[in-house]
Structures are given as structure tokens and as C-alpha cells.
Amino acid sequence: MALFDDEPKKKPQPHEIGQDLSLLSIGELSTRIELLRAEIVRLETELEAKGSTRSAAEALFRSL
């Protein structure tokens, strides 16, 4: 029995805009889509947080 029977798992590569997608498998494409969707949600959450902070700051300065 060998110590290293299994190949090491490949770490998903970050997606680059404009990258050649022809060499990616269906599984790799699906994984990247999931990662990008999660990143979009994270970005939209941050955008909303900054928007509410800005609105609060504008309201504060309008009252002065």
C-alpha cells in the first residue's frame, strides 16, 4: 500500500476576465460560475452597506 495513492486535489484557479475557457471542463466551468455568483452577492452586499452609510452621512450633514 503506497502512502500517496490519491492524486492531490487541484485547487480551483481564480477566474480571469477574458480568459480562454475552451480548455476548461464542464465541472470547472460550473465551479467558476458558482464562485463568481458568490462573489457578486458579496460585492452587492458591500455596495448596499456603503450606500446606507453614505445615506446616513448625507442625512446628518443635511441637518446641520
Foldseek 3Di string as FASTA:
>chain_A
DDPPPDDDDDDQDADDPPDDCPPPDPVSVVVNVVVVVVVVVVVVVVVVVVVVVVVVVVVVVVVD
